[in-house]
Amino acid sequence: MNTIRSVCVYCGSSAGRDPRYLESGRRLGEAIGAAGMRLVYGGGTRGIMGAVAEGVIAKGGAVTGIIPRFLIDMEATESELTRLDELIVTEDMHARKHQMFERSDAFVALPGGIGTLEELIEILTWSQLGRHAKPVIVANVGGFWDPLSRLMDHMSAEGFLHTAHQVRPMVIDDVDAIVPELVAALAGDDTHRRGRAEIVEKL
């Protein structure tokens, strides 16, 4: 891989309580679209999911939504989904996550709920096990992911984290820095990183 053509974004299907979450989702989407990258995401048209997709569309970018059939009515409507460039309807969550992995060159986790957390942990686990070397970014909007850092501290202290060298997520507070960070990471430039390194050291 010599270029990032597609970015998978994990995020909440709800807006959350802090207005920065929605705003960050839209700004990230706009940056992805402006950079000519394709968004791969969970297909929802509501909450932060919807904000990211709207941002990409607003900048003329391409969007692939991947959603299990049973979630369509909960996270989107079929009429809203027609705005996406590509819609993939899977039979279950496992197929959804596999498709998202296969179609993405990099991964970004914005704020979200337990589903977002599960997706982030799974992609980091696959990295730790050597199943991929794709860039992973934790978008720490308003310190949202700080509790994860504390959990990793506890896991490390209790002796449960191994082969941490296989896990290299970037922790970035400012969503405007994410796309430039991805481009620089692909080029192998470690001097560009402005994101904090706490989670990087603990995973």
N, C-alpha and C. Protein backbone atom coordinates (compact mmCIF):
# COMPACT_ATOMS: atom_id res chain seq x y z
N MET A 1 0.84 -1.19 0.00
CA MET A 1 0.00 0.00 0.00
C MET A 1 0.87 1.24 0.00
N ASN A 2 0.76 2.07 -1.04
CA ASN A 2 1.56 3.29 -1.09
C ASN A 2 0.72 4.55 -1.00
N THR A 3 -0.58 4.38 -0.79
CA THR A 3 -1.46 5.52 -0.58
C THR A 3 -2.67 5.09 0.22
N ILE A 4 -3.26 6.03 0.93
CA ILE A 4 -4.49 5.73 1.66
C ILE A 4 -5.66 6.17 0.81
N ARG A 5 -6.38 5.20 0.31
CA ARG A 5 -7.53 5.46 -0.55
C ARG A 5 -8.83 5.50 0.23
N SER A 6 -8.88 4.79 1.36
CA SER A 6 -10.13 4.70 2.12
C SER A 6 -9.83 4.70 3.62
N VAL A 7 -10.72 5.35 4.36
CA VAL A 7 -10.57 5.46 5.81
C VAL A 7 -11.84 4.95 6.47
N CYS A 8 -11.69 4.00 7.36
CA CYS A 8 -12.82 3.50 8.14
C CYS A 8 -12.95 4.34 9.41
N VAL A 9 -14.15 4.85 9.66
CA VAL A 9 -14.39 5.63 10.87
C VAL A 9 -15.38 4.89 11.76
N TYR A 10 -14.94 4.59 12.97
CA TYR A 10 -15.80 4.02 14.00
C TYR A 10 -16.33 5.17 14.85
N CYS A 11 -17.63 5.22 15.11
CA CYS A 11 -18.18 6.31 15.91
C CYS A 11 -19.61 5.98 16.31
N GLY A 12 -20.17 6.84 17.17
CA GLY A 12 -21.50 6.59 17.69
C GLY A 12 -22.61 6.90 16.70
N SER A 13 -23.69 6.14 16.81
CA SER A 13 -24.89 6.41 16.02
C SER A 13 -25.78 7.44 16.73
N SER A 14 -25.35 7.87 17.92
CA SER A 14 -26.00 8.96 18.64
C SER A 14 -25.08 10.17 18.64
N ALA A 15 -25.62 11.33 19.02
CA ALA A 15 -24.85 12.56 18.99
C ALA A 15 -23.99 12.74 20.24
N GLY A 16 -24.37 12.09 21.35
CA GLY A 16 -23.66 12.33 22.60
C GLY A 16 -24.07 13.65 23.21
N ARG A 17 -23.55 13.96 24.38
CA ARG A 17 -23.97 15.17 25.09
C ARG A 17 -23.14 16.40 24.75
N ASP A 18 -21.92 16.20 24.31
CA ASP A 18 -21.02 17.32 24.02
C ASP A 18 -21.14 17.69 22.55
N PRO A 19 -21.53 18.93 22.23
CA PRO A 19 -21.67 19.31 20.82
C PRO A 19 -20.39 19.17 20.01
N ARG A 20 -19.24 19.09 20.70
CA ARG A 20 -17.97 18.92 19.98
C ARG A 20 -17.92 17.59 19.25
N TYR A 21 -18.66 16.59 19.73
CA TYR A 21 -18.61 15.28 19.08
C TYR A 21 -19.16 15.34 17.66
N LEU A 22 -20.34 15.94 17.51
CA LEU A 22 -20.93 16.06 16.17
C LEU A 22 -20.06 16.95 15.28
N GLU A 23 -19.61 18.07 15.82
CA GLU A 23 -18.79 18.99 15.05
C GLU A 23 -17.50 18.32 14.58
N SER A 24 -16.89 17.54 15.47
CA SER A 24 -15.65 16.85 15.10
C SER A 24 -15.91 15.80 14.03
N GLY A 25 -17.05 15.13 14.13
CA GLY A 25 -17.40 14.15 13.10
C GLY A 25 -17.54 14.79 11.74
N ARG A 26 -18.24 15.92 11.70
CA ARG A 26 -18.42 16.60 10.40
C ARG A 26 -17.09 17.11 9.87
N ARG A 27 -16.25 17.69 10.73
CA ARG A 27 -14.96 18.21 10.27
C ARG A 27 -14.07 17.09 9.76
N LEU A 28 -14.09 15.95 10.44
CA LEU A 28 -13.29 14.82 9.95
C LEU A 28 -13.80 14.37 8.59
N GLY A 29 -15.12 14.29 8.45
CA GLY A 29 -15.69 13.90 7.16
C GLY A 29 -15.29 14.86 6.05
N GLU A 30 -15.33 16.15 6.33
CA GLU A 30 -14.95 17.14 5.33
C GLU A 30 -13.49 16.97 4.93
N ALA A 31 -12.63 16.69 5.91
CA ALA A 31 -11.20 16.51 5.61
C ALA A 31 -10.97 15.27 4.76
N ILE A 32 -11.70 14.19 5.07
CA ILE A 32 -11.58 12.96 4.30
C ILE A 32 -12.04 13.20 2.85
N GLY A 33 -13.18 13.87 2.71
CA GLY A 33 -13.70 14.15 1.37
C GLY A 33 -12.78 15.06 0.57
N ALA A 34 -12.26 16.11 1.23
CA ALA A 34 -11.39 17.06 0.55
C ALA A 34 -10.09 16.42 0.11
N ALA A 35 -9.66 15.40 0.84
CA ALA A 35 -8.40 14.71 0.51
C ALA A 35 -8.58 13.66 -0.57
N GLY A 36 -9.82 13.47 -1.03
CA GLY A 36 -10.08 12.48 -2.08
C GLY A 36 -10.07 11.05 -1.58
N MET A 37 -10.23 10.87 -0.27
CA MET A 37 -10.29 9.53 0.30
C MET A 37 -11.75 9.09 0.42
N ARG A 38 -11.98 7.80 0.34
CA ARG A 38 -13.31 7.25 0.51
C ARG A 38 -13.58 6.97 1.98
N LEU A 39 -14.76 7.33 2.45
CA LEU A 39 -15.18 6.97 3.81
C LEU A 39 -15.81 5.59 3.80
N VAL A 40 -15.34 4.73 4.70
CA VAL A 40 -15.98 3.44 4.96
C VAL A 40 -16.48 3.51 6.40
N TYR A 41 -17.77 3.29 6.60
CA TYR A 41 -18.30 3.42 7.96
C TYR A 41 -19.52 2.54 8.13
N GLY A 42 -20.13 2.61 9.31
CA GLY A 42 -21.19 1.68 9.64
C GLY A 42 -22.53 1.91 9.00
N GLY A 43 -22.65 2.92 8.13
CA GLY A 43 -23.86 3.09 7.34
C GLY A 43 -24.96 3.92 7.97
N GLY A 44 -24.83 4.27 9.24
CA GLY A 44 -25.87 5.04 9.90
C GLY A 44 -25.94 6.46 9.39
N THR A 45 -27.13 7.04 9.41
CA THR A 45 -27.30 8.41 8.95
C THR A 45 -27.67 9.34 10.10
N ARG A 46 -27.54 8.84 11.33
CA ARG A 46 -27.86 9.63 12.51
C ARG A 46 -26.63 9.78 13.39
N GLY A 47 -26.70 10.71 14.32
CA GLY A 47 -25.62 10.88 15.29
C GLY A 47 -24.31 11.26 14.65
N ILE A 48 -23.22 10.84 15.28
CA ILE A 48 -21.89 11.16 14.76
C ILE A 48 -21.66 10.47 13.43
N MET A 49 -22.20 9.25 13.28
CA MET A 49 -22.10 8.55 11.99
C MET A 49 -22.61 9.43 10.86
N GLY A 50 -23.80 9.97 11.06
CA GLY A 50 -24.40 10.81 10.03
C GLY A 50 -23.59 12.06 9.77
N ALA A 51 -23.02 12.65 10.83
CA ALA A 51 -22.22 13.87 10.67
C ALA A 51 -20.98 13.62 9.84
N VAL A 52 -20.31 12.50 10.06
CA VAL A 52 -19.12 12.16 9.28
C VAL A 52 -19.49 11.99 7.81
N ALA A 53 -20.54 11.23 7.55
CA ALA A 53 -20.96 11.00 6.16
C ALA A 53 -21.36 12.31 5.49
N GLU A 54 -22.09 13.16 6.20
CA GLU A 54 -22.50 14.44 5.63
C GLU A 54 -21.30 15.30 5.29
N GLY A 55 -20.28 15.27 6.15
CA GLY A 55 -19.07 16.04 5.88
C GLY A 55 -18.37 15.58 4.61
N VAL A 56 -18.28 14.27 4.42
CA VAL A 56 -17.64 13.74 3.21
C VAL A 56 -18.44 14.14 1.97
N ILE A 57 -19.75 13.95 2.04
CA ILE A 57 -20.62 14.26 0.89
C ILE A 57 -20.53 15.75 0.54
N ALA A 58 -20.46 16.60 1.58
CA ALA A 58 -20.40 18.05 1.35
C ALA A 58 -19.15 18.45 0.57
N LYS A 59 -18.09 17.66 0.68
CA LYS A 59 -16.85 17.97 -0.03
C LYS A 59 -16.69 17.14 -1.31
N GLY A 60 -17.78 16.49 -1.71
CA GLY A 60 -17.75 15.73 -2.95
C GLY A 60 -17.05 14.39 -2.86
N GLY A 61 -16.86 13.90 -1.63
CA GLY A 61 -16.18 12.62 -1.45
C GLY A 61 -17.11 11.43 -1.59
N ALA A 62 -16.52 10.25 -1.66
CA ALA A 62 -17.28 9.00 -1.82
C ALA A 62 -17.49 8.34 -0.47
N VAL A 63 -18.65 7.72 -0.30
CA VAL A 63 -19.02 7.09 0.97
C VAL A 63 -19.50 5.67 0.74
N THR A 64 -18.91 4.74 1.47
CA THR A 64 -19.39 3.35 1.51
C THR A 64 -19.96 3.08 2.88
N GLY A 65 -21.24 2.76 2.94
CA GLY A 65 -21.88 2.40 4.19
C GLY A 65 -22.07 0.90 4.26
N ILE A 66 -21.72 0.32 5.40
CA ILE A 66 -21.85 -1.13 5.60
C ILE A 66 -22.70 -1.35 6.85
N ILE A 67 -23.87 -1.91 6.67
CA ILE A 67 -24.80 -1.99 7.78
C ILE A 67 -25.52 -3.34 7.79
N PRO A 68 -25.67 -3.96 8.95
CA PRO A 68 -26.45 -5.19 9.03
C PRO A 68 -27.93 -4.89 8.76
N ARG A 69 -28.62 -5.81 8.16
CA ARG A 69 -30.01 -5.60 7.79
C ARG A 69 -30.86 -5.19 9.00
N PHE A 70 -30.61 -5.83 10.15
CA PHE A 70 -31.47 -5.59 11.32
C PHE A 70 -31.28 -4.19 11.92
N LEU A 71 -30.21 -3.49 11.54
CA LEU A 71 -29.94 -2.16 12.09
C LEU A 71 -30.45 -1.02 11.21
N ILE A 72 -30.93 -1.34 10.03
CA ILE A 72 -31.30 -0.27 9.09
C ILE A 72 -32.33 0.68 9.70
N ASP A 73 -33.38 0.14 10.29
CA ASP A 73 -34.42 1.01 10.83
C ASP A 73 -33.99 1.73 12.10
N MET A 74 -33.01 1.18 12.81
CA MET A 74 -32.55 1.80 14.05
C MET A 74 -31.55 2.92 13.81
N GLU A 75 -30.68 2.76 12.81
CA GLU A 75 -29.60 3.71 12.60
C GLU A 75 -29.75 4.54 11.34
N ALA A 76 -30.75 4.23 10.52
CA ALA A 76 -30.93 4.96 9.27
C ALA A 76 -32.31 4.64 8.71
N THR A 77 -32.63 5.29 7.61
CA THR A 77 -33.82 4.93 6.84
C THR A 77 -33.36 4.61 5.42
N GLU A 78 -34.10 3.77 4.74
CA GLU A 78 -33.67 3.36 3.41
C GLU A 78 -33.58 4.54 2.45
N SER A 79 -34.46 5.54 2.62
CA SER A 79 -34.41 6.70 1.73
C SER A 79 -33.14 7.51 1.98
N GLU A 80 -32.74 7.64 3.24
CA GLU A 80 -31.50 8.37 3.56
C GLU A 80 -30.29 7.64 3.02
N LEU A 81 -30.34 6.31 3.04
CA LEU A 81 -29.20 5.52 2.59
C LEU A 81 -28.95 5.65 1.09
N THR A 82 -29.93 6.11 0.34
CA THR A 82 -29.74 6.25 -1.11
C THR A 82 -28.73 7.35 -1.42
N ARG A 83 -28.40 8.20 -0.45
CA ARG A 83 -27.42 9.27 -0.68
C ARG A 83 -26.00 8.73 -0.72
N LEU A 84 -25.79 7.55 -0.19
CA LEU A 84 -24.45 6.98 -0.16
C LEU A 84 -24.05 6.49 -1.56
N ASP A 85 -22.76 6.55 -1.85
CA ASP A 85 -22.28 6.07 -3.14
C ASP A 85 -22.37 4.56 -3.24
N GLU A 86 -22.17 3.91 -2.11
CA GLU A 86 -22.20 2.45 -2.07
C GLU A 86 -22.80 2.01 -0.75
N LEU A 87 -23.74 1.09 -0.81
CA LEU A 87 -24.36 0.54 0.39
C LEU A 87 -24.22 -0.97 0.37
N ILE A 88 -23.66 -1.50 1.44
CA ILE A 88 -23.51 -2.94 1.58
C ILE A 88 -24.33 -3.37 2.79
N VAL A 89 -25.30 -4.23 2.57
CA VAL A 89 -26.14 -4.74 3.65
C VAL A 89 -25.69 -6.16 3.99
N THR A 90 -25.27 -6.34 5.23
CA THR A 90 -24.79 -7.65 5.66
C THR A 90 -25.85 -8.35 6.51
N GLU A 91 -25.63 -9.62 6.74
CA GLU A 91 -26.58 -10.39 7.53
C GLU A 91 -26.32 -10.28 9.02
N ASP A 92 -25.09 -9.92 9.41
CA ASP A 92 -24.80 -9.83 10.84
C ASP A 92 -23.63 -8.87 11.08
N MET A 93 -23.33 -8.65 12.36
CA MET A 93 -22.27 -7.71 12.75
C MET A 93 -20.88 -8.21 12.35
N HIS A 94 -20.67 -9.52 12.42
CA HIS A 94 -19.36 -10.07 12.08
C HIS A 94 -19.02 -9.79 10.62
N ALA A 95 -20.00 -10.01 9.74
CA ALA A 95 -19.78 -9.75 8.32
C ALA A 95 -19.54 -8.27 8.08
N ARG A 96 -20.27 -7.42 8.81
CA ARG A 96 -20.07 -5.98 8.68
C ARG A 96 -18.63 -5.59 9.01
N LYS A 97 -18.14 -6.05 10.14
CA LYS A 97 -16.79 -5.67 10.57
C LYS A 97 -15.73 -6.21 9.62
N HIS A 98 -15.94 -7.41 9.10
CA HIS A 98 -14.98 -7.98 8.15
C HIS A 98 -14.93 -7.14 6.88
N GLN A 99 -16.11 -6.75 6.37
CA GLN A 99 -16.16 -5.92 5.17
C GLN A 99 -15.49 -4.57 5.41
N MET A 100 -15.74 -3.98 6.58
CA MET A 100 -15.12 -2.69 6.89
C MET A 100 -13.60 -2.82 6.93
N PHE A 101 -13.10 -3.90 7.49
CA PHE A 101 -11.66 -4.12 7.54
C PHE A 101 -11.08 -4.30 6.15
N GLU A 102 -11.71 -5.13 5.35
CA GLU A 102 -11.19 -5.44 4.02
C GLU A 102 -11.17 -4.22 3.11
N ARG A 103 -12.12 -3.32 3.28
CA ARG A 103 -12.26 -2.19 2.36
C ARG A 103 -11.52 -0.93 2.83
N SER A 104 -10.80 -1.01 3.95
CA SER A 104 -10.19 0.19 4.52
C SER A 104 -8.68 0.10 4.58
N ASP A 105 -8.03 1.26 4.35
CA ASP A 105 -6.58 1.35 4.44
C ASP A 105 -6.12 1.92 5.78
N ALA A 106 -7.05 2.50 6.54
CA ALA A 106 -6.72 3.09 7.85
C ALA A 106 -8.00 3.16 8.66
N PHE A 107 -7.85 3.36 9.98
CA PHE A 107 -8.99 3.35 10.89
C PHE A 107 -8.91 4.53 11.85
N VAL A 108 -10.07 5.15 12.11
CA VAL A 108 -10.16 6.26 13.07
C VAL A 108 -11.33 5.98 14.00
N ALA A 109 -11.10 6.14 15.30
CA ALA A 109 -12.17 5.98 16.29
C ALA A 109 -12.52 7.33 16.89
N LEU A 110 -13.71 7.82 16.60
CA LEU A 110 -14.27 9.00 17.23
C LEU A 110 -15.05 8.56 18.48
N PRO A 111 -15.56 9.48 19.27
CA PRO A 111 -16.39 9.08 20.42
C PRO A 111 -17.58 8.21 19.99
N GLY A 112 -17.96 7.33 20.87
CA GLY A 112 -19.08 6.44 20.61
C GLY A 112 -19.35 5.58 21.82
N GLY A 113 -20.23 4.62 21.65
CA GLY A 113 -20.62 3.75 22.75
C GLY A 113 -19.87 2.44 22.76
N ILE A 114 -20.50 1.43 23.32
CA ILE A 114 -19.84 0.15 23.50
C ILE A 114 -19.50 -0.51 22.15
N GLY A 115 -20.32 -0.26 21.13
CA GLY A 115 -20.02 -0.81 19.81
C GLY A 115 -18.76 -0.21 19.22
N THR A 116 -18.61 1.10 19.38
CA THR A 116 -17.40 1.78 18.91
C THR A 116 -16.17 1.26 19.64
N LEU A 117 -16.32 1.12 20.96
CA LEU A 117 -15.21 0.60 21.76
C LEU A 117 -14.83 -0.80 21.31
N GLU A 118 -15.83 -1.63 21.06
CA GLU A 118 -15.56 -3.01 20.63
C GLU A 118 -14.83 -3.05 19.30
N GLU A 119 -15.24 -2.17 18.37
CA GLU A 119 -14.58 -2.13 17.06
C GLU A 119 -13.13 -1.67 17.19
N LEU A 120 -12.90 -0.65 18.01
CA LEU A 120 -11.54 -0.15 18.22
C LEU A 120 -10.66 -1.22 18.84
N ILE A 121 -11.14 -1.87 19.89
CA ILE A 121 -10.34 -2.89 20.57
C ILE A 121 -10.05 -4.06 19.64
N GLU A 122 -11.03 -4.43 18.83
CA GLU A 122 -10.81 -5.55 17.92
C GLU A 122 -9.74 -5.23 16.89
N ILE A 123 -9.78 -4.02 16.31
CA ILE A 123 -8.80 -3.70 15.28
C ILE A 123 -7.41 -3.57 15.90
N LEU A 124 -7.32 -3.11 17.15
CA LEU A 124 -6.04 -3.06 17.85
C LEU A 124 -5.55 -4.46 18.19
N THR A 125 -6.46 -5.34 18.55
CA THR A 125 -6.09 -6.72 18.84
C THR A 125 -5.53 -7.40 17.61
N TRP A 126 -6.19 -7.19 16.46
CA TRP A 126 -5.68 -7.77 15.22
C TRP A 126 -4.29 -7.24 14.89
N SER A 127 -4.06 -5.96 15.18
CA SER A 127 -2.73 -5.39 14.97
C SER A 127 -1.71 -6.04 15.90
N GLN A 128 -2.10 -6.19 17.17
CA GLN A 128 -1.20 -6.80 18.15
C GLN A 128 -0.83 -8.23 17.76
N LEU A 129 -1.78 -8.91 17.13
CA LEU A 129 -1.55 -10.30 16.72
C LEU A 129 -0.86 -10.40 15.35
N GLY A 130 -0.54 -9.25 14.77
CA GLY A 130 0.17 -9.25 13.49
C GLY A 130 -0.71 -9.51 12.28
N ARG A 131 -2.02 -9.32 12.43
CA ARG A 131 -2.93 -9.59 11.30
C ARG A 131 -3.00 -8.42 10.32
N HIS A 132 -2.55 -7.24 10.73
CA HIS A 132 -2.51 -6.10 9.81
C HIS A 132 -1.53 -5.08 10.36
N ALA A 133 -1.13 -4.14 9.47
CA ALA A 133 -0.23 -3.05 9.87
C ALA A 133 -0.80 -1.72 9.39
N LYS A 134 -2.12 -1.63 9.30
CA LYS A 134 -2.78 -0.41 8.85
C LYS A 134 -2.79 0.62 9.97
N PRO A 135 -2.67 1.91 9.64
CA PRO A 135 -2.70 2.94 10.68
C PRO A 135 -4.02 2.95 11.44
N VAL A 136 -3.92 3.18 12.75
CA VAL A 136 -5.10 3.30 13.61
C VAL A 136 -4.96 4.60 14.40
N ILE A 137 -6.00 5.43 14.37
CA ILE A 137 -5.98 6.70 15.10
C ILE A 137 -7.12 6.73 16.10
N VAL A 138 -6.80 7.15 17.32
CA VAL A 138 -7.79 7.38 18.36
C VAL A 138 -8.02 8.88 18.43
N ALA A 139 -9.20 9.33 18.03
CA ALA A 139 -9.54 10.76 18.04
C ALA A 139 -10.07 11.12 19.42
N ASN A 140 -9.21 11.68 20.23
CA ASN A 140 -9.51 11.91 21.64
C ASN A 140 -10.20 13.26 21.85
N VAL A 141 -11.38 13.40 21.26
CA VAL A 141 -12.12 14.66 21.30
C VAL A 141 -12.55 14.97 22.73
N GLY A 142 -12.11 16.11 23.23
CA GLY A 142 -12.49 16.51 24.58
C GLY A 142 -12.05 15.53 25.65
N GLY A 143 -10.98 14.76 25.39
CA GLY A 143 -10.51 13.78 26.37
C GLY A 143 -11.40 12.55 26.49
N PHE A 144 -12.23 12.31 25.47
CA PHE A 144 -13.20 11.21 25.55
C PHE A 144 -12.55 9.87 25.85
N TRP A 145 -11.40 9.60 25.25
CA TRP A 145 -10.76 8.29 25.40
C TRP A 145 -9.79 8.21 26.58
N ASP A 146 -9.71 9.26 27.41
CA ASP A 146 -8.82 9.21 28.56
C ASP A 146 -9.09 8.02 29.49
N PRO A 147 -10.36 7.65 29.74
CA PRO A 147 -10.59 6.47 30.59
C PRO A 147 -9.98 5.19 30.02
N LEU A 148 -9.90 5.09 28.68
CA LEU A 148 -9.25 3.92 28.08
C LEU A 148 -7.78 3.90 28.46
N SER A 149 -7.16 5.06 28.46
CA SER A 149 -5.76 5.15 28.86
C SER A 149 -5.56 4.65 30.29
N ARG A 150 -6.47 5.03 31.18
CA ARG A 150 -6.35 4.58 32.57
C ARG A 150 -6.57 3.07 32.69
N LEU A 151 -7.49 2.53 31.87
CA LEU A 151 -7.70 1.10 31.87
C LEU A 151 -6.46 0.36 31.40
N MET A 152 -5.80 0.90 30.37
CA MET A 152 -4.58 0.27 29.88
C MET A 152 -3.47 0.32 30.93
N ASP A 153 -3.44 1.41 31.69
CA ASP A 153 -2.50 1.48 32.82
C ASP A 153 -2.72 0.30 33.76
N HIS A 154 -3.98 0.07 34.09
CA HIS A 154 -4.31 -1.01 35.02
C HIS A 154 -3.96 -2.38 34.43
N MET A 155 -4.29 -2.60 33.18
CA MET A 155 -3.97 -3.87 32.53
C MET A 155 -2.46 -4.11 32.51
N SER A 156 -1.72 -3.05 32.21
CA SER A 156 -0.26 -3.17 32.16
C SER A 156 0.29 -3.49 33.55
N ALA A 157 -0.22 -2.79 34.56
CA ALA A 157 0.26 -3.02 35.92
C ALA A 157 -0.03 -4.43 36.39
N GLU A 158 -1.11 -5.01 35.90
CA GLU A 158 -1.50 -6.36 36.31
C GLU A 158 -0.88 -7.44 35.42
N GLY A 159 -0.06 -7.04 34.44
CA GLY A 159 0.68 -7.99 33.63
C GLY A 159 -0.10 -8.64 32.50
N PHE A 160 -1.11 -7.94 31.97
CA PHE A 160 -1.94 -8.54 30.93
C PHE A 160 -1.69 -8.00 29.52
N LEU A 161 -0.78 -7.03 29.37
CA LEU A 161 -0.50 -6.50 28.04
C LEU A 161 0.82 -7.04 27.53
N HIS A 162 0.78 -7.64 26.36
CA HIS A 162 1.96 -8.27 25.79
C HIS A 162 2.14 -7.81 24.34
N THR A 163 3.34 -7.97 23.82
CA THR A 163 3.68 -7.60 22.43
C THR A 163 3.13 -6.22 22.07
N ALA A 164 3.35 -5.25 22.97
CA ALA A 164 2.83 -3.90 22.73
C ALA A 164 3.45 -3.28 21.48
N HIS A 165 4.63 -3.78 21.08
CA HIS A 165 5.27 -3.21 19.90
C HIS A 165 4.45 -3.44 18.63
N GLN A 166 3.51 -4.38 18.68
CA GLN A 166 2.67 -4.64 17.51
C GLN A 166 1.52 -3.64 17.39
N VAL A 167 1.31 -2.83 18.41
CA VAL A 167 0.18 -1.91 18.42
C VAL A 167 0.70 -0.48 18.35
N ARG A 168 0.35 0.25 17.31
CA ARG A 168 0.84 1.60 17.16
C ARG A 168 -0.27 2.59 16.81
N PRO A 169 -1.29 2.72 17.65
CA PRO A 169 -2.29 3.75 17.36
C PRO A 169 -1.73 5.13 17.64
N MET A 170 -2.22 6.10 16.89
CA MET A 170 -1.89 7.50 17.17
C MET A 170 -3.05 8.10 17.93
N VAL A 171 -2.76 8.83 19.00
CA VAL A 171 -3.79 9.48 19.80
C VAL A 171 -3.76 10.97 19.47
N ILE A 172 -4.84 11.47 18.89
CA ILE A 172 -4.87 12.84 18.39
C ILE A 172 -6.09 13.56 18.95
N ASP A 173 -5.85 14.72 19.54
CA ASP A 173 -6.94 15.51 20.12
C ASP A 173 -7.68 16.34 19.08
N ASP A 174 -6.98 16.84 18.09
CA ASP A 174 -7.54 17.76 17.10
C ASP A 174 -7.87 17.00 15.81
N VAL A 175 -9.16 16.91 15.47
CA VAL A 175 -9.55 16.13 14.29
C VAL A 175 -8.99 16.72 13.00
N ASP A 176 -8.69 18.01 13.00
CA ASP A 176 -8.14 18.61 11.80
C ASP A 176 -6.74 18.07 11.48
N ALA A 177 -6.09 17.47 12.46
CA ALA A 177 -4.75 16.92 12.25
C ALA A 177 -4.78 15.47 11.76
N ILE A 178 -5.94 14.83 11.76
CA ILE A 178 -6.00 13.40 11.50
C ILE A 178 -5.58 13.02 10.09
N VAL A 179 -6.16 13.65 9.07
CA VAL A 179 -5.81 13.30 7.69
C VAL A 179 -4.33 13.59 7.41
N PRO A 180 -3.79 14.75 7.80
CA PRO A 180 -2.35 14.96 7.61
C PRO A 180 -1.50 13.92 8.35
N GLU A 181 -1.94 13.51 9.53
CA GLU A 181 -1.20 12.49 10.29
C GLU A 181 -1.19 11.16 9.53
N LEU A 182 -2.32 10.80 8.94
CA LEU A 182 -2.39 9.55 8.18
C LEU A 182 -1.44 9.58 6.99
N VAL A 183 -1.42 10.68 6.28
CA VAL A 183 -0.53 10.81 5.13
C VAL A 183 0.93 10.71 5.57
N ALA A 184 1.27 11.40 6.65
CA ALA A 184 2.64 11.38 7.14
C ALA A 184 3.02 10.01 7.69
N ALA A 185 2.09 9.35 8.35
CA ALA A 185 2.37 8.02 8.90
C ALA A 185 2.68 7.03 7.79
N LEU A 186 1.94 7.14 6.69
CA LEU A 186 2.18 6.25 5.56
C LEU A 186 3.55 6.48 4.96
N ALA A 187 4.00 7.72 5.03
CA ALA A 187 5.32 8.05 4.49
C ALA A 187 6.45 7.67 5.45
N GLY A 188 6.08 7.18 6.64
CA GLY A 188 7.08 6.76 7.61
C GLY A 188 7.71 7.91 8.36
N ASP A 189 7.04 9.06 8.40
CA ASP A 189 7.57 10.23 9.08
C ASP A 189 7.06 10.27 10.51
N ASP A 190 7.91 9.97 11.49
CA ASP A 190 7.52 9.96 12.89
C ASP A 190 7.62 11.34 13.52
N THR A 191 8.25 12.30 12.84
CA THR A 191 8.45 13.61 13.44
C THR A 191 7.19 14.46 13.38
N HIS A 192 6.19 14.01 12.58
CA HIS A 192 4.99 14.82 12.40
C HIS A 192 4.02 14.71 13.54
N ARG A 193 4.17 13.72 14.41
CA ARG A 193 3.12 13.38 15.35
C ARG A 193 2.96 14.44 16.43
N ARG A 194 1.75 14.99 16.50
CA ARG A 194 1.45 15.97 17.53
C ARG A 194 0.50 15.39 18.56
N GLY A 195 -0.06 14.22 18.26
CA GLY A 195 -0.98 13.59 19.20
C GLY A 195 -0.24 13.05 20.41
N ARG A 196 -0.99 12.89 21.52
CA ARG A 196 -0.37 12.40 22.73
C ARG A 196 -0.08 10.91 22.60
N ALA A 197 0.87 10.41 23.36
CA ALA A 197 1.37 9.04 23.19
C ALA A 197 0.99 8.12 24.33
N GLU A 198 0.15 8.57 25.27
CA GLU A 198 -0.12 7.73 26.43
C GLU A 198 -0.63 6.33 26.03
N ILE A 199 -1.68 6.30 25.21
CA ILE A 199 -2.27 5.02 24.87
C ILE A 199 -1.30 4.20 24.02
N VAL A 200 -0.52 4.85 23.18
CA VAL A 200 0.46 4.15 22.35
C VAL A 200 1.39 3.33 23.24
N GLU A 201 1.83 3.91 24.35
CA GLU A 201 2.76 3.24 25.21
C GLU A 201 2.11 2.15 26.05
N LYS A 202 0.80 2.22 26.21
CA LYS A 202 0.15 1.32 27.15
C LYS A 202 -0.49 0.11 26.49
N LEU A 203 -0.72 0.19 25.20
CA LEU A 203 -1.37 -0.94 24.53
C LEU A 203 -0.37 -2.03 24.19
